Amino acid sequence: MFFGGLVVMKNIFVISSTVLLSGCVSVNTVEQLKLSGKKSDDYCSSISPEKLEKNYSNYLGQCFKTSSVDMGAATVGEIMTVSRLATNNGVDLRVAKTIVKGDSYQLVVSIDEGNEQCRSVVRAYAYNWTQANHFENIKVISDSGTADKCANDLF
């Protein structure tokens, strides 16, 4: 009986440690994300880059918020930020999770000037499949300007 409880405790410790430490391992840069992350298709939009930037900023700000839970002696949560970086041909909107060792970029939406056929060209890069779920809404915003809800919302 004692030995079985010890094995269960050991498994709980290993699983808990793995989950805790996995947040510390995922430091990355925008360049790393663009090279090795998941990439959306290029979306051609008739909406101006300035209007799309505003619409995507609203969407990302709504979907990626800092959250925390007060647990008495400690507060547990995650710090999420959305930032803007001007590029040679447009702008990158970057979603980062702040962790102990620095920022871990989760999602980047690149909005570039288009041509006669596409007023704007949009592409997105995601750290993992959870963030890649936003690709569908990113396409919807490039088509119509708005998305009804965040990609990972349950309701």
Protein backbone atom coordinates (compact mmCIF):
# COMPACT_ATOMS: atom_id res chain seq x y z
CA MET A 1 0.00 0.00 0.00
CA PHE A 2 2.76 2.46 0.93
CA PHE A 3 4.75 1.61 -2.21
CA GLY A 4 1.73 2.23 -4.48
CA GLY A 5 1.15 5.66 -2.92
CA LEU A 6 4.82 6.50 -3.40
CA VAL A 7 4.62 5.65 -7.10
CA VAL A 8 1.51 7.83 -7.50
CA MET A 9 3.25 10.74 -5.73
CA LYS A 10 6.32 10.29 -7.94
CA ASN A 11 4.16 10.40 -11.09
CA ILE A 12 2.33 13.51 -9.87
CA PHE A 13 5.68 15.19 -9.16
CA VAL A 14 7.09 14.31 -12.60
CA ILE A 15 3.96 15.47 -14.44
CA SER A 16 3.74 18.69 -12.41
CA SER A 17 7.44 19.47 -12.95
CA THR A 18 7.16 18.83 -16.69
CA VAL A 19 4.15 21.12 -17.03
CA LEU A 20 5.79 23.84 -14.94
CA LEU A 21 9.12 23.72 -16.75
CA SER A 22 7.59 23.56 -20.23
CA GLY A 23 6.64 27.22 -19.88
CA CYS A 24 10.28 28.12 -19.30
CA VAL A 25 11.59 26.29 -22.36
CA SER A 26 9.52 28.07 -24.98
CA VAL A 27 11.44 31.33 -25.36
CA ASN A 28 11.53 32.23 -29.05
CA THR A 29 11.92 35.21 -31.35
CA VAL A 30 9.68 36.47 -34.13
CA GLU A 31 12.24 35.24 -36.67
CA GLN A 32 12.28 31.74 -35.13
CA LEU A 33 8.49 31.66 -35.17
CA LYS A 34 8.37 32.68 -38.83
CA LEU A 35 10.94 30.03 -39.77
CA SER A 36 9.77 27.07 -37.71
CA GLY A 37 6.19 27.81 -36.65
CA LYS A 38 2.97 27.01 -38.42
CA LYS A 39 2.24 29.38 -41.34
CA SER A 40 -1.13 30.35 -42.77
CA ASP A 41 -1.88 30.81 -46.42
CA ASP A 42 -1.47 34.31 -47.84
CA TYR A 43 -4.81 36.10 -47.65
CA CYS A 44 -5.61 38.69 -50.31
CA SER A 45 -7.76 41.52 -48.97
CA SER A 46 -9.56 44.48 -50.51
CA ILE A 47 -9.39 46.28 -47.13
CA SER A 48 -6.64 48.87 -46.61
CA PRO A 49 -3.62 47.84 -44.49
CA GLU A 50 -4.43 50.61 -41.97
CA LYS A 51 -8.01 49.38 -41.47
CA LEU A 52 -6.86 45.76 -41.22
CA GLU A 53 -4.25 46.71 -38.64
CA LYS A 54 -6.96 48.31 -36.50
CA ASN A 55 -9.28 45.30 -36.91
CA TYR A 56 -6.55 42.77 -36.10
CA SER A 57 -5.37 44.84 -33.13
CA ASN A 58 -8.91 44.79 -31.74
CA TYR A 59 -9.25 41.04 -32.32
CA LEU A 60 -5.86 40.17 -30.81
CA GLY A 61 -6.42 42.47 -27.84
CA GLN A 62 -9.75 40.77 -27.19
CA CYS A 63 -8.46 37.22 -27.57
CA PHE A 64 -5.06 37.49 -25.85
CA LYS A 65 -5.42 39.02 -22.41
CA THR A 66 -3.30 38.85 -19.31
CA SER A 67 -5.00 36.58 -16.81
CA SER A 68 -4.27 35.69 -13.23
CA VAL A 69 -5.80 33.85 -10.30
CA ASP A 70 -5.12 34.88 -6.71
CA MET A 71 -4.36 31.75 -4.69
CA GLY A 72 -3.79 33.35 -1.30
CA ALA A 73 -0.02 33.50 -0.90
CA ALA A 74 0.66 33.45 -4.63
CA THR A 75 -0.83 34.72 -7.88
CA VAL A 76 -0.75 32.35 -10.83
CA GLY A 77 -1.35 33.37 -14.41
CA GLU A 78 0.13 34.49 -17.68
CA ILE A 79 1.10 37.85 -19.09
CA MET A 80 0.10 38.29 -22.73
CA THR A 81 0.97 41.36 -24.78
CA VAL A 82 0.16 42.53 -28.29
CA SER A 83 2.76 44.77 -29.90
CA ARG A 84 3.28 46.42 -33.27
CA LEU A 85 6.44 46.41 -35.36
CA ALA A 86 6.78 48.33 -38.64
CA THR A 87 8.35 46.25 -41.41
CA ASN A 88 9.72 47.16 -44.86
CA ASN A 89 6.37 46.59 -46.56
CA GLY A 90 3.84 46.86 -43.75
CA VAL A 91 3.45 45.88 -40.12
CA ASP A 92 3.69 42.83 -37.85
CA LEU A 93 1.27 42.48 -34.96
CA ARG A 94 2.94 40.21 -32.40
CA VAL A 95 1.36 38.30 -29.55
CA ALA A 96 3.85 37.34 -26.86
CA LYS A 97 3.60 35.45 -23.61
CA THR A 98 6.03 36.79 -21.03
CA ILE A 99 7.86 34.03 -19.19
CA VAL A 100 10.78 34.00 -16.77
CA LYS A 101 13.50 34.01 -19.44
CA GLY A 102 11.86 36.49 -21.84
CA ASP A 103 9.08 36.64 -24.40
CA SER A 104 7.67 33.66 -26.20
CA TYR A 105 5.96 34.76 -29.39
CA GLN A 106 2.70 32.88 -29.84
CA LEU A 107 1.21 34.47 -32.95
CA VAL A 108 2.36 37.02 -35.53
CA VAL A 109 0.02 38.61 -38.07
CA SER A 110 1.88 40.25 -40.96
CA ILE A 111 -0.01 42.87 -42.96
CA ASP A 112 1.70 44.05 -46.13
CA GLU A 113 0.85 46.56 -48.84
CA GLY A 114 -0.63 44.75 -51.80
CA ASN A 115 -1.01 45.58 -55.47
CA GLU A 116 -3.86 46.31 -57.90
CA GLN A 117 -5.49 42.93 -57.23
CA CYS A 118 -4.93 42.80 -53.46
CA ARG A 119 -4.99 46.01 -51.50
CA SER A 120 -3.41 44.13 -48.60
CA VAL A 121 -1.73 40.76 -48.16
CA VAL A 122 -2.04 39.07 -44.77
CA ARG A 123 -0.26 36.00 -43.43
CA ALA A 124 0.02 34.62 -39.94
CA TYR A 125 2.54 32.51 -38.05
CA ALA A 126 1.65 30.43 -35.00
CA TYR A 127 3.73 28.81 -32.29
CA ASN A 128 1.49 25.73 -32.05
CA TRP A 129 -1.83 24.28 -33.18
CA THR A 130 -3.74 26.15 -30.45
CA GLN A 131 -2.62 29.49 -31.87
CA ALA A 132 -3.04 28.20 -35.44
CA ASN A 133 -6.75 27.89 -34.66
CA HIS A 134 -6.82 31.68 -35.14
CA PHE A 135 -5.92 31.35 -38.84
CA GLU A 136 -9.57 30.89 -39.82
CA ASN A 137 -10.59 34.11 -38.03
CA ILE A 138 -7.60 35.93 -39.50
CA LYS A 139 -8.88 34.98 -42.95
CA VAL A 140 -12.43 36.06 -42.02
CA ILE A 141 -11.12 39.46 -40.88
CA SER A 142 -9.15 39.85 -44.13
CA ASP A 143 -12.38 39.16 -46.05
CA SER A 144 -15.00 41.05 -44.04
CA GLY A 145 -13.14 43.09 -41.42
CA THR A 146 -14.49 41.37 -38.29
CA ALA A 147 -14.71 38.00 -36.57
CA ASP A 148 -17.61 37.04 -34.30
CA LYS A 149 -15.52 35.53 -31.51
CA CYS A 150 -12.06 34.34 -30.55
CA ALA A 151 -10.93 31.09 -32.11
CA ASN A 152 -10.56 29.14 -28.87
CA ASP A 153 -13.72 30.41 -27.14
CA LEU A 154 -16.05 27.66 -26.09
CA PHE A 155 -19.23 29.73 -26.25
